[in-house]
Protein backbone atom coordinates (compact mmCIF):
# COMPACT_ATOMS: atom_id res chain seq x y z
CA UNK A 1 0.02 0.10 0.11
CA UNK A 2 1.12 3.45 -0.85
CA UNK A 3 2.19 5.59 1.82
CA UNK A 4 1.68 8.89 -0.46
CA UNK A 5 -1.27 10.76 0.80
CA UNK A 6 -2.71 14.23 0.13
CA UNK A 7 -1.55 16.96 2.57
CA UNK A 8 -5.44 17.47 3.49
CA UNK A 9 -5.40 13.99 4.66
CA UNK A 10 -2.06 14.09 6.46
CA UNK A 11 -3.16 17.16 8.95
CA UNK A 12 -6.06 15.05 9.82
CA UNK A 13 -3.81 12.83 11.68
CA UNK A 14 -3.11 15.56 14.28
CA UNK A 15 -5.86 16.16 16.93
CA UNK A 16 -6.05 18.97 19.36
CA UNK A 17 -4.30 17.95 22.56
CA UNK A 18 -1.54 15.87 20.75
CA UNK A 19 2.20 15.82 21.30
CA UNK A 20 3.86 16.61 18.16
CA UNK A 21 7.40 16.58 17.22
CA UNK A 22 8.47 18.75 14.35
CA UNK A 23 11.98 18.46 12.43
CA UNK A 24 14.33 20.99 11.11
CA UNK A 25 16.60 23.68 12.63
CA UNK A 26 15.08 27.17 12.07
CA UNK A 27 13.07 25.80 9.30
CA UNK A 28 16.01 23.96 7.46
CA UNK A 29 14.92 20.46 6.94
CA UNK A 30 11.45 20.98 8.41
CA UNK A 31 8.09 19.95 7.11
CA UNK A 32 7.23 23.52 6.40
CA UNK A 33 4.35 23.17 4.02
CA UNK A 34 2.67 20.57 6.28
CA UNK A 35 2.91 23.11 9.08
CA UNK A 36 1.28 25.80 6.78
CA UNK A 37 -1.68 23.32 6.06
CA UNK A 38 -2.01 22.60 9.79
CA UNK A 39 -2.21 26.23 10.44
CA UNK A 40 -5.61 26.20 8.37
CA UNK A 41 -7.08 23.83 10.67
CA UNK A 42 -9.05 23.93 13.98
CA UNK A 43 -6.28 21.95 15.88
CA UNK A 44 -5.24 23.67 19.28
CA UNK A 45 -3.74 22.95 22.34
CA UNK A 46 -0.69 20.91 21.15
CA UNK A 47 2.43 20.05 22.80
CA UNK A 48 5.54 20.91 20.61
CA UNK A 49 8.64 19.01 20.76
CA UNK A 50 11.52 20.90 18.61
CA UNK A 51 15.13 22.11 18.58
CA UNK A 52 13.55 25.58 18.35
CA UNK A 53 10.44 27.78 17.72
CA UNK A 54 11.67 29.14 14.48
CA UNK A 55 10.40 32.51 13.59
CA UNK A 56 7.09 34.14 14.26
CA UNK A 57 6.26 34.20 10.62
CA UNK A 58 8.05 31.20 9.59
CA UNK A 59 7.78 27.33 10.13
CA UNK A 60 6.40 26.08 13.40
CA UNK A 61 6.55 29.45 14.71
CA UNK A 62 3.71 30.42 13.13
CA UNK A 63 1.58 27.73 15.12
CA UNK A 64 2.67 29.58 18.08
CA UNK A 65 1.73 33.07 16.79
CA UNK A 66 -1.70 31.38 16.13
CA UNK A 67 -1.89 30.41 19.41
CA UNK A 68 -2.37 26.56 18.57
CA UNK A 69 0.63 25.81 20.92
CA UNK A 70 0.04 25.28 24.66
CA UNK A 71 3.57 23.67 25.76
CA UNK A 72 7.02 23.68 24.03
CA UNK A 73 9.78 21.19 25.00
CA UNK A 74 12.83 23.17 23.14
CA UNK A 75 16.42 24.11 23.44
CA UNK A 76 15.87 27.71 22.40
CA UNK A 77 13.20 30.34 21.69
CA UNK A 78 15.22 33.52 20.91
CA UNK A 79 14.44 33.89 17.38
CA UNK A 80 10.66 33.78 17.84
CA UNK A 81 9.21 37.07 19.53
CA UNK A 82 5.86 35.46 19.84
CA UNK A 83 7.10 32.45 21.90
CA UNK A 84 8.99 35.10 24.30
CA UNK A 85 5.94 37.34 24.65
CA UNK A 86 3.37 34.48 25.41
CA UNK A 87 5.92 32.55 27.72
CA UNK A 88 6.52 35.79 29.74
CA UNK A 89 2.90 36.53 29.68
CA UNK A 90 2.12 33.25 31.27
CA UNK A 91 0.13 31.85 28.18
CA UNK A 92 2.60 29.34 26.88
CA UNK A 93 4.47 26.83 29.08
CA UNK A 94 8.00 26.43 27.90
CA UNK A 95 10.47 23.42 29.17
CA UNK A 96 13.77 24.26 28.36
CA UNK A 97 16.24 21.42 27.34
CA UNK A 98 19.67 21.95 26.39
CA UNK A 99 20.25 21.07 22.64
CA UNK A 100 22.20 17.62 23.32
CA UNK A 101 20.09 16.70 26.25
CA UNK A 102 16.98 17.21 24.06
CA UNK A 103 18.15 15.08 21.14
CA UNK A 104 19.36 12.39 23.48
CA UNK A 105 15.89 12.30 25.30
CA UNK A 106 14.20 11.66 21.90
CA UNK A 107 16.79 8.99 21.09
CA UNK A 108 16.28 7.31 24.14
CA UNK A 109 12.28 6.98 23.31
CA UNK A 110 13.22 5.63 19.95
CA UNK A 111 15.66 3.30 21.38
CA UNK A 112 13.34 2.00 24.18
CA UNK A 113 15.84 3.47 26.83
CA UNK A 114 14.56 4.53 30.30
CA UNK A 115 16.47 8.00 30.25
CA UNK A 116 19.95 9.58 29.73
CA UNK A 117 22.20 10.61 32.52
CA UNK A 118 23.88 14.12 32.04
CA UNK A 119 25.61 16.37 34.06
CA UNK A 120 24.31 19.33 31.84
CA UNK A 121 22.05 21.40 33.92
CA UNK A 122 23.31 20.48 37.22
CA UNK A 123 22.87 23.42 39.74
CA UNK A 124 20.63 25.42 37.04
CA UNK A 125 16.87 25.76 36.62
CA UNK A 126 17.16 22.82 34.35
CA UNK A 127 17.65 20.76 37.47
CA UNK A 128 14.21 21.74 39.02
CA UNK A 129 11.95 18.70 39.72
CA UNK A 130 14.53 16.21 38.28
CA UNK A 131 16.12 13.05 39.99
CA UNK A 132 19.66 13.53 40.52
CA UNK A 133 21.62 10.25 40.20
CA UNK A 134 25.28 9.55 41.46
CA UNK A 135 27.57 7.05 39.74
CA UNK A 136 30.87 6.50 40.83
CA UNK A 137 31.13 9.57 43.03
CA UNK A 138 29.77 12.09 40.22
CA UNK A 139 26.28 13.52 40.12
CA UNK A 140 24.11 13.47 37.05
CA UNK A 141 20.48 14.54 36.10
CA UNK A 142 18.11 11.92 34.95
CA UNK A 143 16.67 13.29 31.82
CA UNK A 144 13.68 10.93 30.89
CA UNK A 145 12.43 9.98 27.29
CA UNK A 146 10.58 12.35 24.92
CA UNK A 147 7.84 10.39 22.84
CA UNK A 148 5.17 12.15 20.72
CA UNK A 149 1.91 11.05 19.03
CA UNK A 150 2.90 12.36 15.84
CA UNK A 151 6.36 13.54 14.31
CA UNK A 152 6.20 15.94 11.30
CA UNK A 153 9.59 15.72 9.41
CA UNK A 154 11.07 16.91 6.41
CA UNK A 155 13.26 14.81 3.70
CA UNK A 156 14.87 15.51 0.40
CA UNK A 157 14.31 12.16 -1.38
CA UNK A 158 11.88 9.33 -0.54
CA UNK A 159 11.48 5.98 -2.31
CA UNK A 160 8.08 4.33 -2.63
CA UNK A 161 8.53 2.40 0.51
CA UNK A 162 9.38 5.31 2.59
CA UNK A 163 13.07 4.96 2.93
CA UNK A 164 14.28 8.71 3.39
CA UNK A 165 17.41 10.69 2.27
CA UNK A 166 18.09 14.10 3.97
CA UNK A 167 20.37 16.29 1.89
CA UNK A 168 23.36 17.95 3.90
CA UNK A 169 22.52 19.43 7.22
CA UNK A 170 18.83 18.85 6.86
CA UNK A 171 18.82 15.58 8.47
CA UNK A 172 19.32 17.29 11.76
CA UNK A 173 16.53 16.22 13.99
CA UNK A 174 14.44 14.40 11.52
CA UNK A 175 15.85 10.66 11.74
CA UNK A 176 15.59 10.48 15.35
CA UNK A 177 12.15 11.93 15.78
CA UNK A 178 10.84 9.46 13.24
CA UNK A 179 12.08 6.69 15.77
CA UNK A 180 10.25 8.43 18.68
CA UNK A 181 6.56 8.98 17.67
CA UNK A 182 3.51 6.68 17.16
CA UNK A 183 2.70 8.25 13.68
CA UNK A 184 5.33 9.78 11.23
CA UNK A 185 4.68 12.03 8.27
CA UNK A 186 7.19 13.03 5.94
CA UNK A 187 7.41 15.94 3.64
CA UNK A 188 9.28 15.04 0.73
CA UNK A 189 10.55 16.99 -2.54
CA UNK A 190 11.02 13.94 -4.51
CA UNK A 191 10.06 10.29 -4.76
CA UNK A 192 12.00 7.66 -6.42
CA UNK A 193 11.73 4.01 -7.18
CA UNK A 194 12.68 1.42 -4.83
CA UNK A 195 16.48 0.97 -4.95
CA UNK A 196 17.40 4.37 -6.48
CA UNK A 197 18.42 5.40 -2.75
CA UNK A 198 21.86 3.75 -2.11
CA UNK A 199 21.49 1.86 1.00
CA UNK A 200 24.19 3.82 2.59
CA UNK A 201 22.38 6.96 1.58
CA UNK A 202 19.03 5.92 3.52
CA UNK A 203 19.26 7.92 6.60
CA UNK A 204 15.40 7.30 7.86
CA UNK A 205 14.53 3.75 7.17
CA UNK A 206 10.85 2.95 5.66
CA UNK A 207 9.56 1.07 8.76
CA UNK A 208 9.45 4.31 10.90
CA UNK A 209 7.82 6.40 8.36
CA UNK A 210 3.80 6.01 8.29
CA UNK A 211 2.79 8.30 5.60
CA UNK A 212 4.61 10.90 3.03
CA UNK A 213 3.32 13.83 1.43
CA UNK A 214 5.11 15.09 -1.79
CA UNK A 215 5.81 18.78 -2.90
């Protein structure tokens, strides 16, 4: 069965209140057209897991500007004025997670691990409410896995089975997010026959991809 669907069907997979991961780095490699389509729906009260919140007028940042996001788990928000304004007004909950820690928490979910131990954040606000574990006399924060209901990711090339190639730095968070969500929708630029992507160029395996939307 083909994994290719129309964008209108793709956004119906996302319901209000869901946890949604979004790949990309300041919109690079992100599913930007899918996000535009989601903007036109009635979906709201989403929890967003992403490296950043992009810009107020671009990418996933437009969902925040439109007040469709109630909570964000991210490494930084400085490029999006809307995120900062809503956060300081108490209208948006933001959980800051250092970038390396954030991606490790996502990886842990995909690999079925119970969490990651890291010294990053000890003695800071990042430590608040978290368990401190001592190993061989050294203290670490236990950072728990992050899993999502849906992951929206971007890809440069897909084959008909859903194997994905991410060009250059556009791979960023996409591959690991595909492993850490119940449903994965990939926005792809090009679709080729099975076998046209060399095995060593498959960055995200088809087993993790449920649906694809081509642009």
